[in-house]
N, C-alpha and C. Protein backbone atom coordinates (compact mmCIF):
# COMPACT_ATOMS: atom_id res chain seq x y z
N LEU A 1 -59.04 -37.87 37.34
CA LEU A 1 -58.92 -36.90 38.42
C LEU A 1 -58.41 -35.60 37.84
N ILE A 2 -59.10 -34.51 38.14
CA ILE A 2 -58.67 -33.19 37.70
C ILE A 2 -58.29 -32.40 38.94
N VAL A 3 -57.11 -31.86 38.93
CA VAL A 3 -56.62 -31.09 40.07
C VAL A 3 -56.58 -29.62 39.68
N GLY A 4 -57.08 -28.79 40.54
CA GLY A 4 -57.07 -27.34 40.31
C GLY A 4 -56.82 -26.63 41.61
N PRO A 5 -56.96 -25.30 41.59
CA PRO A 5 -56.76 -24.55 42.82
C PRO A 5 -57.73 -25.00 43.91
N ALA A 6 -57.25 -25.02 45.13
CA ALA A 6 -58.10 -25.40 46.26
C ALA A 6 -59.24 -24.40 46.40
N LEU A 7 -60.42 -24.92 46.65
CA LEU A 7 -61.56 -24.04 46.87
C LEU A 7 -61.26 -23.13 48.05
N GLY A 8 -61.46 -21.86 47.85
CA GLY A 8 -61.20 -20.90 48.91
C GLY A 8 -59.78 -20.39 48.93
N GLY A 9 -58.89 -20.97 48.12
CA GLY A 9 -57.51 -20.51 48.08
C GLY A 9 -57.40 -19.19 47.32
N PRO A 10 -56.22 -18.58 47.35
CA PRO A 10 -56.05 -17.28 46.69
C PRO A 10 -56.31 -17.32 45.18
N GLU A 11 -55.96 -18.41 44.51
CA GLU A 11 -56.22 -18.51 43.08
C GLU A 11 -57.71 -18.57 42.79
N HIS A 12 -58.42 -19.29 43.64
CA HIS A 12 -59.88 -19.39 43.49
C HIS A 12 -60.53 -18.02 43.69
N GLU A 13 -60.09 -17.31 44.69
CA GLU A 13 -60.62 -15.97 44.99
C GLU A 13 -60.34 -15.01 43.83
N LEU A 14 -59.13 -15.06 43.29
CA LEU A 14 -58.77 -14.20 42.16
C LEU A 14 -59.67 -14.50 40.97
N ARG A 15 -59.80 -15.76 40.63
CA ARG A 15 -60.64 -16.16 39.49
C ARG A 15 -62.09 -15.73 39.70
N ARG A 16 -62.59 -15.92 40.90
CA ARG A 16 -63.97 -15.53 41.22
C ARG A 16 -64.16 -14.03 41.03
N ASN A 17 -63.20 -13.24 41.49
CA ASN A 17 -63.29 -11.78 41.35
C ASN A 17 -63.24 -11.35 39.88
N VAL A 18 -62.34 -11.94 39.12
CA VAL A 18 -62.21 -11.61 37.70
C VAL A 18 -63.49 -11.97 36.95
N ILE A 19 -64.01 -13.14 37.19
CA ILE A 19 -65.25 -13.58 36.52
C ILE A 19 -66.40 -12.65 36.89
N ALA A 20 -66.49 -12.22 38.13
CA ALA A 20 -67.57 -11.32 38.56
C ALA A 20 -67.51 -10.01 37.79
N VAL A 21 -66.32 -9.49 37.57
CA VAL A 21 -66.16 -8.23 36.82
C VAL A 21 -66.61 -8.42 35.38
N ILE A 22 -66.19 -9.49 34.75
CA ILE A 22 -66.56 -9.73 33.35
C ILE A 22 -68.06 -9.97 33.23
N ARG A 23 -68.64 -10.73 34.13
CA ARG A 23 -70.09 -10.94 34.12
C ARG A 23 -70.83 -9.59 34.25
N SER A 24 -70.33 -8.73 35.11
CA SER A 24 -70.96 -7.42 35.30
C SER A 24 -70.87 -6.57 34.04
N GLN A 25 -69.73 -6.62 33.36
CA GLN A 25 -69.61 -5.85 32.12
C GLN A 25 -70.55 -6.40 31.04
N ILE A 26 -70.61 -7.70 30.91
CA ILE A 26 -71.52 -8.30 29.92
C ILE A 26 -72.96 -7.96 30.26
N ALA A 27 -73.32 -8.00 31.53
CA ALA A 27 -74.68 -7.63 31.95
C ALA A 27 -74.97 -6.17 31.59
N ALA A 28 -73.99 -5.30 31.76
CA ALA A 28 -74.17 -3.89 31.39
C ALA A 28 -74.40 -3.75 29.89
N PHE A 29 -73.65 -4.50 29.09
CA PHE A 29 -73.88 -4.47 27.64
C PHE A 29 -75.31 -4.92 27.32
N GLN A 30 -75.76 -5.96 27.97
CA GLN A 30 -77.10 -6.50 27.69
C GLN A 30 -78.21 -5.52 28.07
N ARG A 31 -77.93 -4.63 29.02
CA ARG A 31 -78.90 -3.60 29.42
C ARG A 31 -78.71 -2.31 28.61
N ASP A 32 -77.75 -2.32 27.69
CA ASP A 32 -77.38 -1.11 26.94
C ASP A 32 -76.93 0.01 27.88
N ASP A 33 -76.29 -0.37 28.97
CA ASP A 33 -75.78 0.59 29.95
C ASP A 33 -74.32 0.90 29.62
N GLY A 34 -74.15 1.82 28.68
CA GLY A 34 -72.81 2.17 28.21
C GLY A 34 -71.91 2.71 29.29
N ASP A 35 -72.45 3.53 30.19
CA ASP A 35 -71.63 4.09 31.27
C ASP A 35 -71.04 2.99 32.14
N MET A 36 -71.86 2.02 32.51
CA MET A 36 -71.37 0.95 33.37
C MET A 36 -70.39 0.05 32.61
N ALA A 37 -70.72 -0.35 31.40
CA ALA A 37 -69.82 -1.19 30.61
C ALA A 37 -68.47 -0.50 30.41
N PHE A 38 -68.52 0.79 30.13
CA PHE A 38 -67.31 1.60 29.91
C PHE A 38 -66.46 1.68 31.17
N SER A 39 -67.11 1.71 32.33
CA SER A 39 -66.37 1.82 33.59
C SER A 39 -65.48 0.61 33.86
N TYR A 40 -65.78 -0.52 33.23
CA TYR A 40 -64.99 -1.73 33.42
C TYR A 40 -63.79 -1.80 32.47
N ALA A 41 -63.59 -0.77 31.66
CA ALA A 41 -62.53 -0.80 30.65
C ALA A 41 -61.65 0.46 30.72
N PRO A 42 -60.97 0.69 31.85
CA PRO A 42 -60.21 1.93 31.99
C PRO A 42 -59.08 2.10 30.97
N GLU A 43 -58.51 1.02 30.52
CA GLU A 43 -57.37 1.13 29.60
C GLU A 43 -57.75 1.57 28.20
N VAL A 44 -59.00 1.43 27.82
CA VAL A 44 -59.41 1.83 26.46
C VAL A 44 -60.29 3.06 26.46
N GLN A 45 -60.51 3.66 27.61
CA GLN A 45 -61.39 4.82 27.67
C GLN A 45 -60.88 5.97 26.81
N SER A 46 -59.57 6.19 26.81
CA SER A 46 -59.04 7.29 25.98
C SER A 46 -59.19 6.96 24.49
N GLN A 47 -59.15 5.69 24.14
CA GLN A 47 -59.30 5.28 22.74
C GLN A 47 -60.72 5.55 22.24
N PHE A 48 -61.72 5.31 23.07
CA PHE A 48 -63.11 5.49 22.66
C PHE A 48 -63.65 6.87 23.00
N GLY A 49 -63.14 7.49 24.03
CA GLY A 49 -63.55 8.82 24.39
C GLY A 49 -64.80 8.90 25.24
N THR A 50 -65.88 8.28 24.78
CA THR A 50 -67.14 8.34 25.52
C THR A 50 -67.75 6.95 25.67
N ALA A 51 -68.62 6.83 26.65
CA ALA A 51 -69.33 5.57 26.86
C ALA A 51 -70.21 5.23 25.67
N ASP A 52 -70.82 6.26 25.07
CA ASP A 52 -71.68 6.01 23.90
C ASP A 52 -70.88 5.45 22.73
N ALA A 53 -69.70 6.00 22.49
CA ALA A 53 -68.85 5.50 21.39
C ALA A 53 -68.43 4.06 21.67
N PHE A 54 -68.11 3.77 22.92
CA PHE A 54 -67.72 2.42 23.33
C PHE A 54 -68.86 1.44 23.09
N LEU A 55 -70.06 1.81 23.53
CA LEU A 55 -71.23 0.94 23.36
C LEU A 55 -71.55 0.73 21.88
N THR A 56 -71.48 1.78 21.10
CA THR A 56 -71.76 1.69 19.66
C THR A 56 -70.78 0.75 18.98
N ARG A 57 -69.50 0.85 19.33
CA ARG A 57 -68.47 -0.01 18.72
C ARG A 57 -68.69 -1.47 19.08
N PHE A 58 -68.99 -1.74 20.34
CA PHE A 58 -69.21 -3.13 20.75
C PHE A 58 -70.47 -3.69 20.12
N ALA A 59 -71.51 -2.89 20.01
CA ALA A 59 -72.75 -3.35 19.38
C ALA A 59 -72.51 -3.75 17.93
N ALA A 60 -71.63 -3.05 17.24
CA ALA A 60 -71.37 -3.31 15.83
C ALA A 60 -70.30 -4.37 15.59
N ALA A 61 -69.23 -4.33 16.37
CA ALA A 61 -68.06 -5.16 16.04
C ALA A 61 -67.84 -6.36 16.96
N TYR A 62 -68.41 -6.36 18.14
CA TYR A 62 -68.15 -7.42 19.12
C TYR A 62 -69.46 -8.01 19.62
N LYS A 63 -70.29 -8.46 18.69
CA LYS A 63 -71.62 -8.95 19.04
C LYS A 63 -71.61 -10.13 20.02
N PRO A 64 -70.65 -11.04 19.93
CA PRO A 64 -70.66 -12.13 20.92
C PRO A 64 -70.48 -11.63 22.36
N VAL A 65 -69.76 -10.52 22.55
CA VAL A 65 -69.60 -9.95 23.88
C VAL A 65 -70.81 -9.08 24.22
N PHE A 66 -71.30 -8.37 23.23
CA PHE A 66 -72.42 -7.44 23.42
C PHE A 66 -73.73 -8.17 23.70
N ARG A 67 -73.99 -9.23 22.98
CA ARG A 67 -75.24 -9.99 23.13
C ARG A 67 -74.98 -11.50 23.07
N PRO A 68 -74.26 -12.04 24.04
CA PRO A 68 -73.95 -13.47 23.99
C PRO A 68 -75.18 -14.34 24.28
N LYS A 69 -75.23 -15.46 23.58
CA LYS A 69 -76.25 -16.47 23.90
C LYS A 69 -75.76 -17.36 25.04
N SER A 70 -74.46 -17.57 25.07
CA SER A 70 -73.88 -18.35 26.17
C SER A 70 -72.48 -17.84 26.46
N VAL A 71 -72.07 -18.05 27.71
CA VAL A 71 -70.76 -17.59 28.19
C VAL A 71 -70.15 -18.72 29.00
N VAL A 72 -68.93 -19.13 28.63
CA VAL A 72 -68.20 -20.16 29.37
C VAL A 72 -66.82 -19.60 29.68
N PHE A 73 -66.50 -19.55 30.97
CA PHE A 73 -65.19 -19.05 31.37
C PHE A 73 -64.17 -20.17 31.28
N LEU A 74 -63.12 -19.89 30.52
CA LEU A 74 -62.04 -20.85 30.33
C LEU A 74 -60.95 -20.54 31.34
N ASN A 75 -59.70 -20.71 30.96
CA ASN A 75 -58.62 -20.53 31.91
C ASN A 75 -58.26 -19.06 32.13
N LEU A 76 -57.77 -18.80 33.30
CA LEU A 76 -57.20 -17.52 33.67
C LEU A 76 -55.70 -17.70 33.59
N ALA A 77 -55.02 -16.87 32.81
CA ALA A 77 -53.60 -17.08 32.58
C ALA A 77 -52.86 -15.75 32.51
N PHE A 78 -51.54 -15.86 32.45
CA PHE A 78 -50.71 -14.68 32.23
C PHE A 78 -50.24 -14.71 30.79
N SER A 79 -50.33 -13.57 30.13
CA SER A 79 -49.85 -13.42 28.77
C SER A 79 -49.17 -12.07 28.65
N ARG A 80 -47.93 -12.08 28.25
CA ARG A 80 -47.16 -10.83 28.11
C ARG A 80 -47.17 -10.02 29.40
N GLY A 81 -47.07 -10.72 30.51
CA GLY A 81 -47.03 -10.06 31.81
C GLY A 81 -48.36 -9.56 32.32
N ARG A 82 -49.45 -9.91 31.65
CA ARG A 82 -50.79 -9.46 32.04
C ARG A 82 -51.66 -10.65 32.39
N LEU A 83 -52.53 -10.44 33.33
CA LEU A 83 -53.53 -11.44 33.67
C LEU A 83 -54.63 -11.37 32.61
N VAL A 84 -54.96 -12.52 32.01
CA VAL A 84 -55.94 -12.56 30.93
C VAL A 84 -56.94 -13.69 31.20
N GLN A 85 -58.21 -13.34 31.13
CA GLN A 85 -59.27 -14.34 31.27
C GLN A 85 -59.78 -14.69 29.87
N ARG A 86 -59.73 -15.97 29.53
CA ARG A 86 -60.27 -16.44 28.26
C ARG A 86 -61.73 -16.82 28.47
N VAL A 87 -62.58 -16.39 27.54
CA VAL A 87 -64.01 -16.64 27.66
C VAL A 87 -64.55 -17.13 26.32
N LEU A 88 -65.24 -18.25 26.34
CA LEU A 88 -65.89 -18.79 25.15
C LEU A 88 -67.30 -18.21 25.11
N LEU A 89 -67.61 -17.49 24.03
CA LEU A 89 -68.90 -16.83 23.88
C LEU A 89 -69.58 -17.33 22.62
N GLN A 90 -70.86 -17.61 22.73
CA GLN A 90 -71.66 -17.92 21.55
C GLN A 90 -72.44 -16.66 21.22
N GLY A 91 -72.21 -16.13 20.03
CA GLY A 91 -72.85 -14.89 19.63
C GLY A 91 -74.29 -15.10 19.19
N PRO A 92 -74.98 -14.01 18.91
CA PRO A 92 -76.38 -14.09 18.48
C PRO A 92 -76.55 -14.83 17.16
N ASP A 93 -75.47 -14.97 16.39
CA ASP A 93 -75.50 -15.69 15.12
C ASP A 93 -75.11 -17.16 15.30
N ASP A 94 -74.98 -17.59 16.56
CA ASP A 94 -74.60 -18.96 16.94
C ASP A 94 -73.14 -19.30 16.66
N ILE A 95 -72.34 -18.34 16.26
CA ILE A 95 -70.91 -18.58 16.05
C ILE A 95 -70.20 -18.41 17.39
N ALA A 96 -69.35 -19.37 17.73
CA ALA A 96 -68.59 -19.33 18.98
C ALA A 96 -67.24 -18.66 18.75
N VAL A 97 -66.86 -17.83 19.68
CA VAL A 97 -65.55 -17.17 19.64
C VAL A 97 -64.94 -17.22 21.03
N VAL A 98 -63.62 -17.15 21.06
CA VAL A 98 -62.92 -17.02 22.34
C VAL A 98 -62.47 -15.57 22.44
N ALA A 99 -62.94 -14.91 23.48
CA ALA A 99 -62.56 -13.52 23.73
C ALA A 99 -61.52 -13.51 24.85
N LEU A 100 -60.58 -12.61 24.72
CA LEU A 100 -59.55 -12.44 25.74
C LEU A 100 -59.84 -11.15 26.49
N PHE A 101 -59.98 -11.25 27.79
CA PHE A 101 -60.22 -10.09 28.63
C PHE A 101 -58.97 -9.82 29.45
N PRO A 102 -58.12 -8.88 29.01
CA PRO A 102 -56.96 -8.53 29.82
C PRO A 102 -57.43 -7.78 31.07
N MET A 103 -56.92 -8.17 32.20
CA MET A 103 -57.38 -7.61 33.46
C MET A 103 -56.32 -6.68 34.05
N MET A 104 -56.81 -5.69 34.78
CA MET A 104 -55.94 -4.70 35.39
C MET A 104 -56.40 -4.50 36.83
N GLN A 105 -55.46 -4.63 37.78
CA GLN A 105 -55.84 -4.40 39.17
C GLN A 105 -55.71 -2.91 39.47
N MET A 106 -56.77 -2.36 40.02
CA MET A 106 -56.82 -0.94 40.35
C MET A 106 -56.15 -0.69 41.71
N ASN A 107 -55.91 0.57 42.00
CA ASN A 107 -55.25 0.94 43.26
C ASN A 107 -56.02 0.46 44.50
N ASP A 108 -57.34 0.36 44.38
CA ASP A 108 -58.15 -0.08 45.53
C ASP A 108 -58.22 -1.61 45.65
N GLY A 109 -57.51 -2.32 44.74
CA GLY A 109 -57.49 -3.78 44.78
C GLY A 109 -58.53 -4.43 43.89
N SER A 110 -59.47 -3.67 43.38
CA SER A 110 -60.50 -4.23 42.49
C SER A 110 -59.89 -4.50 41.11
N TRP A 111 -60.63 -5.28 40.32
CA TRP A 111 -60.18 -5.64 38.98
C TRP A 111 -61.07 -4.98 37.94
N ARG A 112 -60.47 -4.60 36.86
CA ARG A 112 -61.18 -4.02 35.71
C ARG A 112 -60.58 -4.63 34.47
C-alpha cells in the first residue's frame, strides 16, 4: 500500500500546477521558443539577459532538459526553504539525469 496526498487535496493541486509549468517550459524548448521558455525562469533572466542567450545555453549545456526523450516527475520537496521539483530526464544521448527545478510563486499565485 502506498499512501500519498489525497486526490484533489491542496498538495495534489500544487504538484499538478508545478508539473504543468515544467511541462510547458520543456515544450517551449522543444519548439525552440526561447521567449516562452525564458518566461518560465524569472530568477535567472538577469543572468542570461536575453531569451536567445538562455535558449543557446540550454541547447548546449542542458540537453536532457532541452530535448528529453523521456520525462518522469519525481518528488516535490522543500530544499533550503524553496519548493523544488525533481525530474528524471533521459537525454538525446540516452543518459538519464535528475534535474532540480526550483519553483517560485509569483504575485498572481502562478508558479515559475
